[in-house]
Amino acid sequence: MTMTGFFSHPSFRQHEMSPGHPECPERLDAIDDRLLISGLEVALDRRVATPASLADIELAHDRMYVASLRGLSDSLKEEIEAGGPTHAQIDPDTSLNVHTWEAALHAAGAAIDAVDAVMAKEFKTAFCAVRPPGHHACRAKAGGFCFFNNVAIAAKYALERHNLHRVAIVDFDVHHGNGTEDIVKGDKRILMTSFYQHPFYPLDWEHSGASNLVNLPVPAYTKGMDIRELIEAAWIPRLEEFKPELILISAGFDAHREDDMGQLGLVENDYAWITSRIMDVARHHAQGRVVSCLEGGYVMSPLARSVEAHIRVLADV
């Protein structure tokens, strides 16, 4: 029970969207290297993720959308065999290659496997080192590097398959998890709390105003101490009132001050503090159960250092 589960899969390194794309396989290499060098590796129980079933993915996504994504993947394979392009473009930032479908299934599967493991008391906490990320994937639309919404799928899975009544999602990526909001808005069994830089991607997103969302938009150059104060004032009271039985984290590390994808000013100690406050709520209400899934973080060194700080708190080492 002292170990933290670490879920990943080889297909995550085969999915890539174009040379030089920021959401690249090297992100996982940087994390693995840091866990090894820091000695944190010994606190982790590594598991190879299994693929999510389409039935479980369709708890959060429209069936026709899932079918269209699979069809696009199949068509791409045929085009490549005929000498065609190696990628299918979904939006200016998001494309798939022949490995993306398998990687997306296993990314959602990692989150589901982690939920199963913490519910079975194999671990209290788990981290899913996944690609592609998920929190921009809406119910019926890919985008923002995301295809399936790993955390939203895991939340619906925990409610439907484990008969939980209250699941919290905490999102600390620099970008708003618009896909997660799209899927969970109005579902009183789920409380979603987030902060994010605003105005910023996704610029065309209109918030639903649903009562189960605690959205904290902050301006560029907001520092970590200001974020901490907002979390203490807005997230924590709602989470304590909600009494989640499981907490899922959309763990994006692109709000780090060294990550040029955004303009927020967090550092490793801020991620450790945020994680510790989430763990406090989990210990009070959720038997310590926390599953964290990698989202953003695109500059290798701050990403790796921040993940280390995050996992140290999850693993209590």
Protein backbone atom coordinates (compact mmCIF):
# COMPACT_ATOMS: atom_id res chain seq x y z
CA MET A 1 0.00 0.00 0.00
CA THR A 2 2.99 2.33 0.32
CA MET A 3 3.73 2.15 -3.42
CA THR A 4 2.18 4.49 -5.96
CA GLY A 5 0.96 2.92 -9.19
CA PHE A 6 2.60 4.21 -12.39
CA PHE A 7 0.66 3.35 -15.53
CA SER A 8 2.03 3.72 -19.04
CA HIS A 9 2.29 1.85 -22.37
CA PRO A 10 4.81 1.56 -25.25
CA SER A 11 2.28 2.85 -27.79
CA PHE A 12 2.46 6.30 -26.16
CA ARG A 13 5.92 6.77 -27.71
CA GLN A 14 4.76 5.71 -31.17
CA HIS A 15 2.02 8.33 -31.42
CA GLU A 16 3.41 11.57 -32.83
CA MET A 17 1.77 14.43 -34.70
CA SER A 18 4.62 15.96 -36.75
CA PRO A 19 8.37 16.63 -36.44
CA GLY A 20 8.97 19.37 -33.90
CA HIS A 21 5.47 19.20 -32.43
CA PRO A 22 5.53 20.17 -28.72
CA GLU A 23 3.38 17.19 -27.66
CA CYS A 24 6.11 14.67 -28.42
CA PRO A 25 7.27 11.23 -27.21
CA GLU A 26 10.35 12.78 -25.62
CA ARG A 27 8.12 14.18 -22.88
CA LEU A 28 7.78 10.68 -21.41
CA ASP A 29 11.51 10.04 -21.77
CA ALA A 30 12.23 13.20 -19.77
CA ILE A 31 9.87 12.07 -17.00
CA ASP A 32 11.35 8.56 -16.87
CA ASP A 33 14.89 9.90 -16.75
CA ARG A 34 14.02 12.23 -13.89
CA LEU A 35 12.32 9.50 -11.86
CA LEU A 36 15.40 7.33 -12.26
CA ILE A 37 17.97 10.03 -11.46
CA SER A 38 15.98 11.32 -8.45
CA GLY A 39 15.63 7.85 -6.92
CA LEU A 40 11.84 8.20 -6.94
CA GLU A 41 11.55 5.17 -9.22
CA VAL A 42 11.80 2.83 -6.20
CA ALA A 43 8.53 4.22 -4.80
CA LEU A 44 6.60 3.31 -7.96
CA ASP A 45 4.93 0.10 -9.06
CA ARG A 46 5.05 0.22 -12.88
CA ARG A 47 2.09 -1.24 -14.71
CA VAL A 48 1.51 -1.67 -18.46
CA ALA A 49 -1.89 -0.18 -19.31
CA THR A 50 -4.57 -2.25 -21.02
CA PRO A 51 -6.74 -0.69 -23.77
CA ALA A 52 -10.06 0.83 -22.78
CA SER A 53 -13.12 -0.88 -24.23
CA LEU A 54 -15.24 1.14 -26.63
CA ALA A 55 -18.15 0.71 -24.21
CA ASP A 56 -16.17 2.45 -21.48
CA ILE A 57 -14.99 5.22 -23.82
CA GLU A 58 -18.61 5.77 -24.85
CA LEU A 59 -19.50 6.55 -21.24
CA ALA A 60 -17.99 9.97 -22.02
CA HIS A 61 -17.93 10.19 -25.83
CA ASP A 62 -20.53 10.08 -28.56
CA ARG A 63 -20.61 6.69 -30.31
CA MET A 64 -20.52 8.22 -33.80
CA TYR A 65 -17.48 10.30 -32.85
CA VAL A 66 -15.62 7.21 -31.63
CA ALA A 67 -16.53 5.36 -34.81
CA SER A 68 -15.40 8.27 -37.00
CA LEU A 69 -12.02 8.46 -35.25
CA ARG A 70 -11.53 4.73 -35.75
CA GLY A 71 -12.55 5.08 -39.40
CA LEU A 72 -10.08 7.92 -39.89
CA SER A 73 -7.31 5.73 -38.46
CA ASP A 74 -8.24 2.81 -40.74
CA SER A 75 -8.38 5.10 -43.80
CA LEU A 76 -4.96 6.52 -42.98
CA LYS A 77 -3.43 3.04 -42.98
CA GLU A 78 -4.87 2.40 -46.44
CA GLU A 79 -3.61 5.76 -47.73
CA ILE A 80 -0.10 5.09 -46.43
CA GLU A 81 -0.05 1.70 -48.15
CA ALA A 82 -0.96 3.52 -51.37
CA GLY A 83 1.89 6.01 -50.88
CA GLY A 84 -0.26 8.74 -49.33
CA PRO A 85 0.36 11.05 -46.35
CA THR A 86 1.57 9.69 -43.00
CA HIS A 87 -0.78 11.85 -40.89
CA ALA A 88 -4.47 12.77 -40.89
CA GLN A 89 -5.05 16.36 -39.79
CA ILE A 90 -7.91 17.06 -37.35
CA ASP A 91 -7.19 20.73 -36.65
CA PRO A 92 -4.13 22.97 -37.15
CA ASP A 93 -2.54 21.61 -33.94
CA THR A 94 -3.83 18.04 -33.88
CA SER A 95 -3.21 15.10 -36.18
CA LEU A 96 -3.02 11.34 -35.93
CA ASN A 97 -0.62 8.76 -37.27
CA VAL A 98 -1.14 5.00 -37.60
CA HIS A 99 -0.32 4.47 -33.89
CA THR A 100 -2.60 7.18 -32.48
CA TRP A 101 -5.74 5.04 -32.21
CA GLU A 102 -3.93 2.39 -30.16
CA ALA A 103 -2.23 5.03 -28.01
CA ALA A 104 -5.54 6.81 -27.35
CA LEU A 105 -7.21 3.53 -26.33
CA HIS A 106 -4.35 2.77 -23.94
CA ALA A 107 -4.27 6.32 -22.52
CA ALA A 108 -7.93 6.01 -21.54
CA GLY A 109 -7.19 2.44 -20.44
CA ALA A 110 -4.38 3.62 -18.16
CA ALA A 111 -6.79 5.93 -16.32
CA ILE A 112 -9.35 3.13 -16.02
CA ASP A 113 -6.73 0.61 -14.84
CA ALA A 114 -5.55 3.11 -12.24
CA VAL A 115 -9.12 3.62 -10.98
CA ASP A 116 -9.56 -0.15 -10.72
CA ALA A 117 -6.28 -0.46 -8.80
CA VAL A 118 -7.04 2.25 -6.22
CA MET A 119 -10.60 0.97 -5.79
CA ALA A 120 -9.18 -2.54 -5.19
CA LYS A 121 -6.79 -1.01 -2.59
CA GLU A 122 -3.70 -2.09 -4.51
CA PHE A 123 -2.56 1.53 -4.26
CA LYS A 124 -3.94 4.65 -2.66
CA THR A 125 -2.57 6.83 -5.44
CA ALA A 126 -1.57 6.39 -9.07
CA PHE A 127 0.04 8.46 -11.82
CA CYS A 128 -0.69 7.81 -15.49
CA ALA A 129 2.16 8.85 -17.79
CA VAL A 130 0.00 9.00 -20.89
CA ARG A 131 0.00 10.37 -24.41
CA PRO A 132 -2.09 11.65 -26.09
CA PRO A 133 -3.44 13.92 -23.34
CA GLY A 134 -7.19 14.26 -22.92
CA HIS A 135 -8.74 17.34 -21.38
CA HIS A 136 -9.49 19.19 -24.65
CA ALA A 137 -11.35 16.19 -26.11
CA CYS A 138 -15.07 17.04 -26.06
CA ARG A 139 -17.93 14.56 -26.15
CA ALA A 140 -17.95 14.55 -29.96
CA LYS A 141 -14.81 16.43 -31.03
CA ALA A 142 -11.03 16.04 -30.88
CA GLY A 143 -8.67 18.99 -30.59
CA GLY A 144 -5.85 20.61 -28.66
CA PHE A 145 -3.65 17.49 -29.04
CA CYS A 146 -6.44 15.36 -27.48
CA PHE A 147 -8.60 12.52 -28.86
CA PHE A 148 -10.26 10.76 -25.88
CA ASN A 149 -10.80 12.53 -22.57
CA ASN A 150 -8.91 10.20 -20.25
CA VAL A 151 -9.97 11.81 -16.98
CA ALA A 152 -13.63 12.28 -17.94
CA ILE A 153 -13.80 8.65 -19.07
CA ALA A 154 -12.25 7.55 -15.78
CA ALA A 155 -14.75 9.66 -13.81
CA LYS A 156 -17.76 8.20 -15.63
CA TYR A 157 -16.25 4.72 -15.30
CA ALA A 158 -15.78 5.09 -11.53
CA LEU A 159 -19.41 6.19 -11.16
CA GLU A 160 -20.92 3.56 -13.44
CA ARG A 161 -18.68 0.53 -12.88
CA HIS A 162 -17.67 1.04 -9.24
CA ASN A 163 -20.98 2.54 -8.14
CA LEU A 164 -19.43 5.63 -6.62
CA HIS A 165 -21.68 8.62 -5.95
CA ARG A 166 -19.21 11.54 -5.97
CA VAL A 167 -16.03 11.95 -8.03
CA ALA A 168 -13.97 15.15 -8.15
CA ILE A 169 -11.81 16.26 -11.08
CA VAL A 170 -9.02 18.75 -10.39
CA ASP A 171 -7.40 20.34 -13.46
CA PHE A 172 -4.28 22.50 -13.08
CA ASP A 173 -3.15 22.73 -16.72
CA VAL A 174 -2.41 26.23 -18.07
CA HIS A 175 -5.24 25.71 -20.58
CA HIS A 176 -8.88 25.27 -19.63
CA GLY A 177 -10.10 21.68 -19.82
CA ASN A 178 -12.94 22.58 -22.15
CA GLY A 179 -13.46 18.98 -23.21
CA THR A 180 -13.85 17.85 -19.62
CA GLU A 181 -16.33 20.66 -18.98
CA ASP A 182 -18.27 19.67 -22.10
CA ILE A 183 -18.58 16.07 -20.86
CA VAL A 184 -19.23 16.58 -17.13
CA LYS A 185 -21.21 19.86 -17.03
CA GLY A 186 -24.46 19.41 -15.15
CA ASP A 187 -23.55 15.95 -13.81
CA LYS A 188 -24.11 16.46 -10.10
CA ARG A 189 -22.06 13.33 -9.33
CA ILE A 190 -18.92 15.10 -10.59
CA LEU A 191 -17.32 18.30 -9.26
CA MET A 192 -14.70 19.85 -11.56
CA THR A 193 -12.29 22.44 -10.17
CA SER A 194 -9.73 24.21 -12.33
CA PHE A 195 -7.59 27.27 -12.81
CA TYR A 196 -6.20 28.33 -16.18
CA GLN A 197 -4.74 31.31 -18.02
CA HIS A 198 -7.40 33.54 -19.60
CA PRO A 199 -7.77 34.76 -22.27
CA PHE A 200 -5.97 31.84 -23.85
CA TYR A 201 -6.61 28.64 -25.81
CA PRO A 202 -9.37 27.55 -26.38
CA LEU A 203 -10.44 31.10 -27.25
CA ASP A 204 -13.78 30.13 -28.80
CA TRP A 205 -14.98 28.18 -25.77
CA GLU A 206 -18.14 29.42 -24.05
CA HIS A 207 -18.46 28.33 -20.43
CA SER A 208 -21.63 26.51 -19.52
CA GLY A 209 -21.96 28.11 -16.08
CA ALA A 210 -22.99 24.73 -14.67
CA SER A 211 -23.12 24.57 -10.88
CA ASN A 212 -20.77 21.56 -10.67
CA LEU A 213 -17.84 23.57 -12.07
CA VAL A 214 -15.40 25.76 -10.15
CA ASN A 215 -13.56 27.63 -12.94
CA LEU A 216 -10.82 30.07 -11.92
CA PRO A 217 -9.59 32.04 -14.97
CA VAL A 218 -6.43 34.01 -14.16
CA PRO A 219 -4.49 36.56 -16.24
CA ALA A 220 -1.07 35.95 -17.76
CA TYR A 221 1.89 36.30 -15.37
CA THR A 222 -0.10 35.22 -12.32
CA LYS A 223 2.35 33.80 -9.76
CA GLY A 224 2.14 30.63 -7.73
CA MET A 225 1.30 32.32 -4.42
CA ASP A 226 -1.73 34.01 -5.99
CA ILE A 227 -2.87 30.64 -7.38
CA ARG A 228 -2.49 29.09 -3.90
CA GLU A 229 -4.71 31.78 -2.38
CA LEU A 230 -7.39 31.21 -5.05
CA ILE A 231 -7.30 27.45 -4.49
CA GLU A 232 -7.61 27.87 -0.73
CA ALA A 233 -10.53 30.27 -1.12
CA ALA A 234 -12.45 28.62 -3.98
CA TRP A 235 -11.46 24.99 -4.56
CA ILE A 236 -10.98 23.64 -1.08
CA PRO A 237 -14.34 24.70 0.45
CA ARG A 238 -16.23 23.23 -2.53
CA LEU A 239 -14.23 20.01 -2.45
CA GLU A 240 -14.75 19.64 1.30
CA GLU A 241 -18.47 20.27 0.90
CA PHE A 242 -18.69 17.80 -2.00
CA LYS A 243 -16.92 14.99 -0.07
CA PRO A 244 -15.53 13.14 -3.10
CA GLU A 245 -15.07 9.38 -2.88
CA LEU A 246 -12.31 9.55 -5.51
CA ILE A 247 -10.23 12.44 -6.86
CA LEU A 248 -8.94 12.50 -10.44
CA ILE A 249 -6.30 15.00 -11.50
CA SER A 250 -5.73 16.47 -14.96
CA ALA A 251 -2.06 17.13 -14.29
CA GLY A 252 -0.77 19.70 -16.76
CA PHE A 253 2.59 21.26 -15.96
CA ASP A 254 2.60 23.96 -18.64
CA ALA A 255 1.73 26.66 -16.09
CA HIS A 256 5.38 26.43 -14.98
CA ARG A 257 7.20 29.74 -15.39
CA GLU A 258 9.83 28.06 -17.64
CA ASP A 259 7.24 26.59 -20.03
CA ASP A 260 6.76 28.93 -22.99
CA MET A 261 3.46 27.33 -23.98
CA GLY A 262 1.79 29.64 -21.43
CA GLN A 263 2.56 32.70 -19.34
CA LEU A 264 1.82 31.67 -15.76
CA GLY A 265 4.44 31.65 -13.01
CA LEU A 266 4.25 28.36 -11.14
CA VAL A 267 7.30 26.40 -9.95
CA GLU A 268 7.81 22.88 -8.60
CA ASN A 269 6.97 23.87 -5.03
CA ASP A 270 3.59 25.16 -6.19
CA TYR A 271 2.75 21.82 -7.81
CA ALA A 272 3.83 20.04 -4.63
CA TRP A 273 1.61 22.34 -2.55
CA ILE A 274 -1.40 21.91 -4.84
CA THR A 275 -0.95 18.14 -4.75
CA SER A 276 -0.68 18.16 -0.95
CA ARG A 277 -3.95 20.08 -0.63
CA ILE A 278 -5.66 17.62 -2.97
CA MET A 279 -4.24 14.77 -0.87
CA ASP A 280 -5.62 16.41 2.29
CA VAL A 281 -9.13 16.34 0.83
CA ALA A 282 -8.63 12.77 -0.39
CA ARG A 283 -7.57 11.60 3.07
CA HIS A 284 -10.59 13.27 4.68
CA HIS A 285 -13.22 11.95 2.28
CA ALA A 286 -11.86 9.49 -0.31
CA GLN A 287 -9.77 7.05 1.73
CA GLY A 288 -6.75 8.74 0.17
CA ARG A 289 -7.72 7.65 -3.35
CA VAL A 290 -6.18 9.86 -6.06
CA VAL A 291 -5.53 9.08 -9.74
CA SER A 292 -3.49 11.63 -11.69
CA CYS A 293 -3.21 11.73 -15.49
CA LEU A 294 -0.59 13.67 -17.43
CA GLU A 295 -1.91 16.52 -19.57
CA GLY A 296 0.36 19.39 -20.68
CA GLY A 297 3.97 20.38 -20.01
CA TYR A 298 6.17 20.93 -23.05
CA VAL A 299 9.62 22.05 -21.92
CA MET A 300 11.47 18.94 -20.83
CA SER A 301 13.34 20.02 -17.70
CA PRO A 302 10.52 21.89 -15.88
CA LEU A 303 8.07 19.17 -16.94
CA ALA A 304 10.24 16.41 -15.48
CA ARG A 305 11.04 18.33 -12.28
CA SER A 306 7.37 19.21 -11.75
CA VAL A 307 6.20 15.63 -12.28
CA GLU A 308 8.79 14.51 -9.74
CA ALA A 309 7.51 17.06 -7.20
CA HIS A 310 3.91 15.96 -7.90
CA ILE A 311 4.64 12.23 -7.55
CA ARG A 312 6.68 12.75 -4.40
CA VAL A 313 3.56 14.05 -2.68
CA LEU A 314 1.33 11.34 -4.20
CA ALA A 315 3.78 8.69 -2.98
CA ASP A 316 4.41 10.43 0.36
CA VAL A 317 8.19 10.23 0.03
